[in-house]
Amino acid sequence: MAVLGAFLAALGVADAFRDTHPHGISPARRYTALGAGLVTLIALLAAGGVAPATGLRLGVPLALLLAVWVLLDLITRAIGATAARSAAFLAVGSGIIVALVFADDGSGAWPSWAPGPLSALSPSEVVFVTGIALAQVTTANVLVRLILDAVKVPTKAGADRLRSGRVLGPMERLFIVGLGLAGNLTAAAVVVGAKGLLRFPELAASESSTRAAASPIIVQSSGGSEPAKGVDISPTVPAHQGPNPVTEYFLIGSFASWLIALAGLGLASLVLG
């Protein structure tokens, strides 16, 4: 579990150093993120008690997969957005599979000067929980953005109206994972429902604005109800046809975020038992 935790933590730390949108990252920020992720990977493999031979055997492929994830903007320029998104999802999924299938559990122990409640867990368990938490806070935001881009959701209007989602999303995911690990999934469901209720006024207001934009414009002349000559009174067609962009952004983004939280909870339940 230490190898999986180290990989997830490396993803989380790297994403904390770069922008949540995978495009337009400055070179300095990009390579700082990659360096921070690699340092985190190496440090947590050692802290989790992973044997040097295992760390070297698995650390190299995991470092390469981490580089694919962090250098996504460069890969996008080289092979296109669709192929780059696929490579990013494949990198994260392959890293998780490699860590689950080929890694042995770390055998380290806490030093004698580190007593207290934390010592009740093994170092590998602490590394794993840390990795799950960091991935839910930062990497999940990037995954949600990639999912929205993949399904071509018109995200600009939604992102402008629901800008707090980048803060609420991580808090919500941590809450779901924490409650799930505590065995209280019912409370997690209440959190999901509460988010919808809190966002409903904004979504309703956005829907009303869209309908108002599509309503016909009526112009009266001074002589009565006849339209003035030369005035176009045809309905104004909104720029976006179909579902309201803010509602669509909220629904797809929220469900993607919840699924990522449930995936993290599933991993934690599988590994920790």
C-alpha atoms as a PDB file:
ATOM      1  CA  MET A   1       0.000   0.000   0.000  1.00  0.00           C
ATOM      2  CA  ALA A   2       2.983   2.313   0.513  1.00  0.00           C
ATOM      3  CA  VAL A   3       3.794   2.260  -3.211  1.00  0.00           C
ATOM      4  CA  LEU A   4       0.239   3.187  -4.158  1.00  0.00           C
ATOM      5  CA  GLY A   5       0.137   5.897  -1.517  1.00  0.00           C
ATOM      6  CA  ALA A   6       3.459   7.314  -2.692  1.00  0.00           C
ATOM      7  CA  PHE A   7       2.264   7.437  -6.303  1.00  0.00           C
ATOM      8  CA  LEU A   8      -1.024   9.126  -5.415  1.00  0.00           C
ATOM      9  CA  ALA A   9       0.758  11.594  -3.133  1.00  0.00           C
ATOM     10  CA  ALA A  10       3.244  12.385  -5.912  1.00  0.00           C
ATOM     11  CA  LEU A  11       0.349  13.159  -8.257  1.00  0.00           C
ATOM     12  CA  GLY A  12      -1.285  15.332  -5.607  1.00  0.00           C
ATOM     13  CA  VAL A  13       1.849  17.315  -4.783  1.00  0.00           C
ATOM     14  CA  ALA A  14       2.687  17.831  -8.463  1.00  0.00           C
ATOM     15  CA  ASP A  15      -0.823  19.123  -9.168  1.00  0.00           C
ATOM     16  CA  ALA A  16      -0.584  21.467  -6.180  1.00  0.00           C
ATOM     17  CA  PHE A  17       2.331  23.179  -7.940  1.00  0.00           C
ATOM     18  CA  ARG A  18       0.611  23.568 -11.303  1.00  0.00           C
ATOM     19  CA  ASP A  19      -2.601  25.173 -12.461  1.00  0.00           C
ATOM     20  CA  THR A  20      -5.764  23.080 -12.311  1.00  0.00           C
ATOM     21  CA  HIS A  21      -6.204  23.570 -16.046  1.00  0.00           C
ATOM     22  CA  PRO A  22      -3.714  21.369 -17.912  1.00  0.00           C
ATOM     23  CA  HIS A  23      -2.967  23.941 -20.637  1.00  0.00           C
ATOM     24  CA  GLY A  24      -0.953  27.130 -20.613  1.00  0.00           C
ATOM     25  CA  ILE A  25       1.440  26.230 -17.774  1.00  0.00           C
ATOM     26  CA  SER A  26       4.735  28.140 -17.674  1.00  0.00           C
ATOM     27  CA  PRO A  27       7.905  26.011 -18.123  1.00  0.00           C
ATOM     28  CA  ALA A  28       9.200  26.913 -14.656  1.00  0.00           C
ATOM     29  CA  ARG A  29       5.942  25.898 -13.013  1.00  0.00           C
ATOM     30  CA  ARG A  30       5.688  22.730 -15.078  1.00  0.00           C
ATOM     31  CA  TYR A  31       9.137  21.417 -14.189  1.00  0.00           C
ATOM     32  CA  THR A  32       8.832  22.544 -10.576  1.00  0.00           C
ATOM     33  CA  ALA A  33       5.667  20.446 -10.353  1.00  0.00           C
ATOM     34  CA  LEU A  34       7.430  17.457 -11.897  1.00  0.00           C
ATOM     35  CA  GLY A  35      10.410  17.818  -9.566  1.00  0.00           C
ATOM     36  CA  ALA A  36       8.172  18.131  -6.499  1.00  0.00           C
ATOM     37  CA  GLY A  37       6.240  15.044  -7.546  1.00  0.00           C
ATOM     38  CA  LEU A  38       9.394  12.972  -8.068  1.00  0.00           C
ATOM     39  CA  VAL A  39      10.847  14.041  -4.715  1.00  0.00           C
ATOM     40  CA  THR A  40       7.557  13.131  -3.005  1.00  0.00           C
ATOM     41  CA  LEU A  41       7.515   9.731  -4.724  1.00  0.00           C
ATOM     42  CA  ILE A  42      11.059   8.881  -3.633  1.00  0.00           C
ATOM     43  CA  ALA A  43      10.644  10.213  -0.100  1.00  0.00           C
ATOM     44  CA  LEU A  44       7.388   8.374   0.590  1.00  0.00           C
ATOM     45  CA  LEU A  45       8.653   5.105  -0.871  1.00  0.00           C
ATOM     46  CA  ALA A  46      11.470   5.285   1.650  1.00  0.00           C
ATOM     47  CA  ALA A  47       9.215   6.473   4.493  1.00  0.00           C
ATOM     48  CA  GLY A  48       6.738   3.676   3.810  1.00  0.00           C
ATOM     49  CA  GLY A  49       9.375   1.011   4.355  1.00  0.00           C
ATOM     50  CA  VAL A  50       9.505  -0.155   0.731  1.00  0.00           C
ATOM     51  CA  ALA A  51      12.567  -2.300   0.071  1.00  0.00           C
ATOM     52  CA  PRO A  52      15.191  -0.554  -2.104  1.00  0.00           C
ATOM     53  CA  ALA A  53      14.975  -3.220  -4.813  1.00  0.00           C
ATOM     54  CA  THR A  54      11.184  -2.914  -4.989  1.00  0.00           C
ATOM     55  CA  GLY A  55      11.390   0.870  -4.892  1.00  0.00           C
ATOM     56  CA  LEU A  56      13.780   0.901  -7.831  1.00  0.00           C
ATOM     57  CA  ARG A  57      11.844  -1.710  -9.802  1.00  0.00           C
ATOM     58  CA  LEU A  58       8.532   0.121  -9.441  1.00  0.00           C
ATOM     59  CA  GLY A  59       9.761   3.669  -8.909  1.00  0.00           C
ATOM     60  CA  VAL A  60      11.093   4.044 -12.454  1.00  0.00           C
ATOM     61  CA  PRO A  61       7.842   3.176 -14.285  1.00  0.00           C
ATOM     62  CA  LEU A  62       5.808   5.174 -11.776  1.00  0.00           C
ATOM     63  CA  ALA A  63       8.094   8.178 -12.293  1.00  0.00           C
ATOM     64  CA  LEU A  64       7.585   7.892 -16.069  1.00  0.00           C
ATOM     65  CA  LEU A  65       3.797   7.730 -15.625  1.00  0.00           C
ATOM     66  CA  LEU A  66       3.970  10.750 -13.322  1.00  0.00           C
ATOM     67  CA  ALA A  67       5.917  12.630 -16.012  1.00  0.00           C
ATOM     68  CA  VAL A  68       3.219  11.826 -18.593  1.00  0.00           C
ATOM     69  CA  TRP A  69       0.601  13.262 -16.258  1.00  0.00           C
ATOM     70  CA  VAL A  70       2.501  16.417 -15.348  1.00  0.00           C
ATOM     71  CA  LEU A  71       3.713  17.143 -18.891  1.00  0.00           C
ATOM     72  CA  LEU A  72       0.204  16.859 -20.302  1.00  0.00           C
ATOM     73  CA  ASP A  73       0.303  20.306 -21.935  1.00  0.00           C
ATOM     74  CA  LEU A  74       3.441  19.391 -23.913  1.00  0.00           C
ATOM     75  CA  ILE A  75       1.898  16.069 -24.958  1.00  0.00           C
ATOM     76  CA  THR A  76      -1.256  17.909 -26.056  1.00  0.00           C
ATOM     77  CA  ARG A  77       0.768  20.110 -28.407  1.00  0.00           C
ATOM     78  CA  ALA A  78       2.512  17.063 -29.844  1.00  0.00           C
ATOM     79  CA  ILE A  79      -0.347  14.591 -30.377  1.00  0.00           C
ATOM     80  CA  GLY A  80      -3.552  16.594 -29.910  1.00  0.00           C
ATOM     81  CA  ALA A  81      -5.988  17.104 -27.054  1.00  0.00           C
ATOM     82  CA  THR A  82      -7.974  13.873 -27.450  1.00  0.00           C
ATOM     83  CA  ALA A  83      -4.952  11.571 -27.512  1.00  0.00           C
ATOM     84  CA  ALA A  84      -3.309  13.517 -24.676  1.00  0.00           C
ATOM     85  CA  ARG A  85      -6.394  13.125 -22.478  1.00  0.00           C
ATOM     86  CA  SER A  86      -6.371   9.397 -23.126  1.00  0.00           C
ATOM     87  CA  ALA A  87      -2.668   9.262 -22.241  1.00  0.00           C
ATOM     88  CA  ALA A  88      -3.331  11.154 -18.995  1.00  0.00           C
ATOM     89  CA  PHE A  89      -6.153   8.837 -17.895  1.00  0.00           C
ATOM     90  CA  LEU A  90      -4.039   5.821 -18.899  1.00  0.00           C
ATOM     91  CA  ALA A  91      -1.059   7.110 -16.897  1.00  0.00           C
ATOM     92  CA  VAL A  92      -3.078   7.472 -13.688  1.00  0.00           C
ATOM     93  CA  GLY A  93      -4.874   4.152 -14.142  1.00  0.00           C
ATOM     94  CA  SER A  94      -1.687   2.267 -15.040  1.00  0.00           C
ATOM     95  CA  GLY A  95       0.135   3.688 -12.029  1.00  0.00           C
ATOM     96  CA  ILE A  96      -2.632   2.536  -9.697  1.00  0.00           C
ATOM     97  CA  ILE A  97      -2.704  -0.941 -11.266  1.00  0.00           C
ATOM     98  CA  VAL A  98       1.082  -1.321 -11.128  1.00  0.00           C
ATOM     99  CA  ALA A  99       1.148  -0.273  -7.475  1.00  0.00           C
ATOM    100  CA  LEU A 100      -1.720  -2.613  -6.564  1.00  0.00           C
ATOM    101  CA  VAL A 101      -0.561  -5.688  -8.468  1.00  0.00           C
ATOM    102  CA  PHE A 102       3.225  -5.662  -8.286  1.00  0.00           C
ATOM    103  CA  ALA A 103       4.065  -3.932  -4.991  1.00  0.00           C
ATOM    104  CA  ASP A 104       4.706  -5.605  -1.671  1.00  0.00           C
ATOM    105  CA  ASP A 105       3.542  -3.956   1.519  1.00  0.00           C
ATOM    106  CA  GLY A 106       6.160  -1.871   3.258  1.00  0.00           C
ATOM    107  CA  SER A 107       7.669  -3.387   6.398  1.00  0.00           C
ATOM    108  CA  GLY A 108       8.904  -0.240   8.117  1.00  0.00           C
ATOM    109  CA  ALA A 109       8.161   0.705  11.720  1.00  0.00           C
ATOM    110  CA  TRP A 110       7.989   3.988  13.581  1.00  0.00           C
ATOM    111  CA  PRO A 111      11.132   5.033  15.478  1.00  0.00           C
ATOM    112  CA  SER A 112      10.990   4.852  19.248  1.00  0.00           C
ATOM    113  CA  TRP A 113      10.851   8.640  19.575  1.00  0.00           C
ATOM    114  CA  ALA A 114       7.526   8.836  17.704  1.00  0.00           C
ATOM    115  CA  PRO A 115       4.908   7.615  20.183  1.00  0.00           C
ATOM    116  CA  GLY A 116       1.291   8.647  20.202  1.00  0.00           C
ATOM    117  CA  PRO A 117      -1.893   7.805  18.287  1.00  0.00           C
ATOM    118  CA  LEU A 118      -0.104   7.900  14.908  1.00  0.00           C
ATOM    119  CA  SER A 119       2.046   4.932  15.895  1.00  0.00           C
ATOM    120  CA  ALA A 120      -1.092   2.763  15.981  1.00  0.00           C
ATOM    121  CA  LEU A 121      -0.900   2.776  12.169  1.00  0.00           C
ATOM    122  CA  SER A 122       2.038   1.435  10.221  1.00  0.00           C
ATOM    123  CA  PRO A 123       4.116   3.899   8.142  1.00  0.00           C
ATOM    124  CA  SER A 124       2.817   2.306   4.942  1.00  0.00           C
ATOM    125  CA  GLU A 125      -0.782   2.917   6.048  1.00  0.00           C
ATOM    126  CA  VAL A 126      -0.022   6.557   6.848  1.00  0.00           C
ATOM    127  CA  VAL A 127       1.624   7.005   3.436  1.00  0.00           C
ATOM    128  CA  PHE A 128      -1.376   5.431   1.747  1.00  0.00           C
ATOM    129  CA  VAL A 129      -3.967   7.581   3.541  1.00  0.00           C
ATOM    130  CA  THR A 130      -1.861  10.681   2.813  1.00  0.00           C
ATOM    131  CA  GLY A 131      -1.769   9.791  -0.865  1.00  0.00           C
ATOM    132  CA  ILE A 132      -5.533   9.269  -1.026  1.00  0.00           C
ATOM    133  CA  ALA A 133      -6.151  12.634   0.640  1.00  0.00           C
ATOM    134  CA  LEU A 134      -3.716  14.595  -1.551  1.00  0.00           C
ATOM    135  CA  ALA A 135      -5.106  13.049  -4.736  1.00  0.00           C
ATOM    136  CA  GLN A 136      -8.655  13.974  -3.725  1.00  0.00           C
ATOM    137  CA  VAL A 137      -7.646  17.575  -3.007  1.00  0.00           C
ATOM    138  CA  THR A 138      -5.677  18.437  -6.168  1.00  0.00           C
ATOM    139  CA  THR A 139      -5.454  15.662  -8.763  1.00  0.00           C
ATOM    140  CA  ALA A 140      -9.212  15.090  -8.711  1.00  0.00           C
ATOM    141  CA  ASN A 141      -9.769  18.701  -9.812  1.00  0.00           C
ATOM    142  CA  VAL A 142      -7.628  18.093 -12.898  1.00  0.00           C
ATOM    143  CA  LEU A 143      -9.434  14.820 -13.619  1.00  0.00           C
ATOM    144  CA  VAL A 144     -12.810  16.558 -13.428  1.00  0.00           C
ATOM    145  CA  ARG A 145     -11.612  19.245 -15.835  1.00  0.00           C
ATOM    146  CA  LEU A 146     -10.366  16.601 -18.280  1.00  0.00           C
ATOM    147  CA  ILE A 147     -13.710  14.784 -18.095  1.00  0.00           C
ATOM    148  CA  LEU A 148     -15.595  18.021 -18.799  1.00  0.00           C
ATOM    149  CA  ASP A 149     -13.312  18.726 -21.751  1.00  0.00           C
ATOM    150  CA  ALA A 150     -13.698  15.171 -23.041  1.00  0.00           C
ATOM    151  CA  VAL A 151     -17.508  15.398 -23.197  1.00  0.00           C
ATOM    152  CA  LYS A 152     -17.255  18.917 -24.656  1.00  0.00           C
ATOM    153  CA  VAL A 153     -19.281  20.614 -21.960  1.00  0.00           C
ATOM    154  CA  PRO A 154     -19.362  24.395 -22.542  1.00  0.00           C
ATOM    155  CA  THR A 155     -17.403  25.049 -19.377  1.00  0.00           C
ATOM    156  CA  LYS A 156     -16.660  28.787 -19.561  1.00  0.00           C
ATOM    157  CA  ALA A 157     -20.091  29.958 -18.463  1.00  0.00           C
ATOM    158  CA  GLY A 158     -20.290  27.276 -15.794  1.00  0.00           C
ATOM    159  CA  ALA A 159     -16.807  27.974 -14.480  1.00  0.00           C
ATOM    160  CA  ASP A 160     -17.514  31.702 -14.287  1.00  0.00           C
ATOM    161  CA  ARG A 161     -20.775  31.211 -12.366  1.00  0.00           C
ATOM    162  CA  LEU A 162     -19.635  28.344 -10.127  1.00  0.00           C
ATOM    163  CA  ARG A 163     -16.055  29.379  -9.410  1.00  0.00           C
ATOM    164  CA  SER A 164     -16.200  28.095  -5.829  1.00  0.00           C
ATOM    165  CA  GLY A 165     -16.405  24.535  -7.157  1.00  0.00           C
ATOM    166  CA  ARG A 166     -12.624  24.226  -7.111  1.00  0.00           C
ATOM    167  CA  VAL A 167     -12.727  24.765  -3.357  1.00  0.00           C
ATOM    168  CA  LEU A 168     -15.996  22.989  -2.563  1.00  0.00           C
ATOM    169  CA  GLY A 169     -15.070  19.947  -4.664  1.00  0.00           C
ATOM    170  CA  PRO A 170     -11.987  18.901  -2.641  1.00  0.00           C
ATOM    171  CA  MET A 171     -13.774  19.543   0.658  1.00  0.00           C
ATOM    172  CA  GLU A 172     -16.730  17.491  -0.510  1.00  0.00           C
ATOM    173  CA  ARG A 173     -14.558  14.606  -1.715  1.00  0.00           C
ATOM    174  CA  LEU A 174     -12.565  14.489   1.527  1.00  0.00           C
ATOM    175  CA  PHE A 175     -15.819  14.512   3.470  1.00  0.00           C
ATOM    176  CA  ILE A 176     -17.215  11.621   1.424  1.00  0.00           C
ATOM    177  CA  VAL A 177     -14.031   9.530   1.736  1.00  0.00           C
ATOM    178  CA  GLY A 178     -13.721  10.247   5.461  1.00  0.00           C
ATOM    179  CA  LEU A 179     -17.337   9.416   6.210  1.00  0.00           C
ATOM    180  CA  GLY A 180     -17.118   6.315   4.043  1.00  0.00           C
ATOM    181  CA  LEU A 181     -14.037   5.043   5.879  1.00  0.00           C
ATOM    182  CA  ALA A 182     -15.841   5.732   9.145  1.00  0.00           C
ATOM    183  CA  GLY A 183     -18.711   3.551   7.947  1.00  0.00           C
ATOM    184  CA  ASN A 184     -21.230   6.369   7.614  1.00  0.00           C
ATOM    185  CA  LEU A 185     -22.157   6.464   3.937  1.00  0.00           C
ATOM    186  CA  THR A 186     -25.604   7.802   4.804  1.00  0.00           C
ATOM    187  CA  ALA A 187     -24.063  11.050   6.028  1.00  0.00           C
ATOM    188  CA  ALA A 188     -22.046  11.222   2.801  1.00  0.00           C
ATOM    189  CA  ALA A 189     -25.286  10.969   0.828  1.00  0.00           C
ATOM    190  CA  VAL A 190     -26.678  13.872   2.856  1.00  0.00           C
ATOM    191  CA  VAL A 191     -23.647  15.961   1.828  1.00  0.00           C
ATOM    192  CA  VAL A 192     -24.315  15.189  -1.823  1.00  0.00           C
ATOM    193  CA  GLY A 193     -27.978  16.192  -1.483  1.00  0.00           C
ATOM    194  CA  ALA A 194     -27.121  19.360   0.432  1.00  0.00           C
ATOM    195  CA  LYS A 195     -24.832  20.536  -2.352  1.00  0.00           C
ATOM    196  CA  GLY A 196     -27.654  20.297  -4.863  1.00  0.00           C
ATOM    197  CA  LEU A 197     -29.997  22.253  -2.595  1.00  0.00           C
ATOM    198  CA  LEU A 198     -27.434  24.987  -1.987  1.00  0.00           C
ATOM    199  CA  ARG A 199     -26.685  25.345  -5.691  1.00  0.00           C
ATOM    200  CA  PHE A 200     -30.316  25.230  -6.808  1.00  0.00           C
ATOM    201  CA  PRO A 201     -30.968  29.012  -6.583  1.00  0.00           C
ATOM    202  CA  GLU A 202     -27.969  29.738  -8.810  1.00  0.00           C
ATOM    203  CA  LEU A 203     -28.999  27.106 -11.335  1.00  0.00           C
ATOM    204  CA  ALA A 204     -32.591  28.372 -11.368  1.00  0.00           C
ATOM    205  CA  ALA A 205     -31.424  31.962 -11.869  1.00  0.00           C
ATOM    206  CA  SER A 206     -29.167  30.889 -14.724  1.00  0.00           C
ATOM    207  CA  GLU A 207     -32.036  28.988 -16.370  1.00  0.00           C
ATOM    208  CA  SER A 208     -34.273  32.059 -16.088  1.00  0.00           C
ATOM    209  CA  SER A 209     -31.591  34.214 -17.685  1.00  0.00           C
ATOM    210  CA  THR A 210     -31.268  31.819 -20.600  1.00  0.00           C
ATOM    211  CA  ARG A 211     -35.017  31.795 -21.185  1.00  0.00           C
ATOM    212  CA  ALA A 212     -35.194  35.576 -20.981  1.00  0.00           C
ATOM    213  CA  ALA A 213     -32.476  35.825 -23.610  1.00  0.00           C
ATOM    214  CA  ALA A 214     -34.578  33.678 -25.940  1.00  0.00           C
ATOM    215  CA  SER A 215     -37.822  35.638 -25.476  1.00  0.00           C
ATOM    216  CA  PRO A 216     -39.081  37.815 -28.377  1.00  0.00           C
ATOM    217  CA  ILE A 217     -38.468  41.536 -28.360  1.00  0.00           C
ATOM    218  CA  ILE A 218     -41.725  43.520 -28.857  1.00  0.00           C
ATOM    219  CA  VAL A 219     -41.472  47.069 -30.146  1.00  0.00           C
ATOM    220  CA  GLN A 220     -44.506  49.350 -30.176  1.00  0.00           C
ATOM    221  CA  SER A 221     -44.908  52.339 -32.421  1.00  0.00           C
ATOM    222  CA  SER A 222     -46.500  55.549 -31.181  1.00  0.00           C
ATOM    223  CA  GLY A 223     -49.631  54.788 -33.205  1.00  0.00           C
ATOM    224  CA  GLY A 224     -50.599  51.563 -31.436  1.00  0.00           C
ATOM    225  CA  SER A 225     -49.579  47.974 -31.139  1.00  0.00           C
ATOM    226  CA  GLU A 226     -48.245  47.607 -34.670  1.00  0.00           C
ATOM    227  CA  PRO A 227     -44.486  47.110 -34.828  1.00  0.00           C
ATOM    228  CA  ALA A 228     -42.441  50.019 -36.086  1.00  0.00           C
ATOM    229  CA  LYS A 229     -41.350  49.778 -39.687  1.00  0.00           C
ATOM    230  CA  GLY A 230     -37.832  48.574 -40.265  1.00  0.00           C
ATOM    231  CA  VAL A 231     -37.500  47.068 -36.775  1.00  0.00           C
ATOM    232  CA  ASP A 232     -36.658  43.387 -36.539  1.00  0.00           C
ATOM    233  CA  ILE A 233     -38.863  41.791 -33.869  1.00  0.00           C
ATOM    234  CA  SER A 234     -37.779  38.174 -34.393  1.00  0.00           C
ATOM    235  CA  PRO A 235     -36.820  36.243 -31.245  1.00  0.00           C
ATOM    236  CA  THR A 236     -33.287  36.657 -30.037  1.00  0.00           C
ATOM    237  CA  VAL A 237     -31.568  33.290 -30.314  1.00  0.00           C
ATOM    238  CA  PRO A 238     -29.168  32.505 -27.462  1.00  0.00           C
ATOM    239  CA  ALA A 239     -25.614  31.650 -28.364  1.00  0.00           C
ATOM    240  CA  HIS A 240     -25.847  28.254 -26.638  1.00  0.00           C
ATOM    241  CA  GLN A 241     -28.529  25.865 -27.806  1.00  0.00           C
ATOM    242  CA  GLY A 242     -29.628  22.891 -25.701  1.00  0.00           C
ATOM    243  CA  PRO A 243     -29.188  22.428 -21.948  1.00  0.00           C
ATOM    244  CA  ASN A 244     -28.220  25.420 -19.863  1.00  0.00           C
ATOM    245  CA  PRO A 245     -24.376  25.501 -19.778  1.00  0.00           C
ATOM    246  CA  VAL A 246     -24.236  26.253 -16.054  1.00  0.00           C
ATOM    247  CA  THR A 247     -26.599  23.386 -15.184  1.00  0.00           C
ATOM    248  CA  GLU A 248     -24.753  21.002 -17.492  1.00  0.00           C
ATOM    249  CA  TYR A 249     -21.413  22.049 -16.017  1.00  0.00           C
ATOM    250  CA  PHE A 250     -22.715  21.536 -12.485  1.00  0.00           C
ATOM    251  CA  LEU A 251     -24.273  18.132 -13.129  1.00  0.00           C
ATOM    252  CA  ILE A 252     -21.400  16.557 -15.047  1.00  0.00           C
ATOM    253  CA  GLY A 253     -18.732  18.140 -12.867  1.00  0.00           C
ATOM    254  CA  SER A 254     -20.468  17.092  -9.654  1.00  0.00           C
ATOM    255  CA  PHE A 255     -21.064  13.517 -10.753  1.00  0.00           C
ATOM    256  CA  ALA A 256     -17.457  13.217 -11.964  1.00  0.00           C
ATOM    257  CA  SER A 257     -16.245  14.569  -8.616  1.00  0.00           C
ATOM    258  CA  TRP A 258     -18.443  12.144  -6.669  1.00  0.00           C
ATOM    259  CA  LEU A 259     -17.270   9.195  -8.759  1.00  0.00           C
ATOM    260  CA  ILE A 260     -13.633  10.105  -8.092  1.00  0.00           C
ATOM    261  CA  ALA A 261     -14.381  10.317  -4.366  1.00  0.00           C
ATOM    262  CA  LEU A 262     -16.074   6.912  -4.489  1.00  0.00           C
ATOM    263  CA  ALA A 263     -13.097   5.500  -6.415  1.00  0.00           C
ATOM    264  CA  GLY A 264     -10.776   6.760  -3.689  1.00  0.00           C
ATOM    265  CA  LEU A 265     -13.040   5.263  -1.032  1.00  0.00           C
ATOM    266  CA  GLY A 266     -13.093   1.966  -2.922  1.00  0.00           C
ATOM    267  CA  LEU A 267      -9.301   1.899  -3.125  1.00  0.00           C
ATOM    268  CA  ALA A 268      -9.017   2.677   0.573  1.00  0.00           C
ATOM    269  CA  SER A 269     -11.513  -0.044   1.485  1.00  0.00           C
ATOM    270  CA  LEU A 270      -9.744  -2.553  -0.769  1.00  0.00           C
ATOM    271  CA  VAL A 271      -6.282  -1.871   0.594  1.00  0.00           C
ATOM    272  CA  LEU A 272      -7.057  -1.174   4.236  1.00  0.00           C
ATOM    273  CA  GLY A 273      -9.736  -3.856   4.453  1.00  0.00           C
END
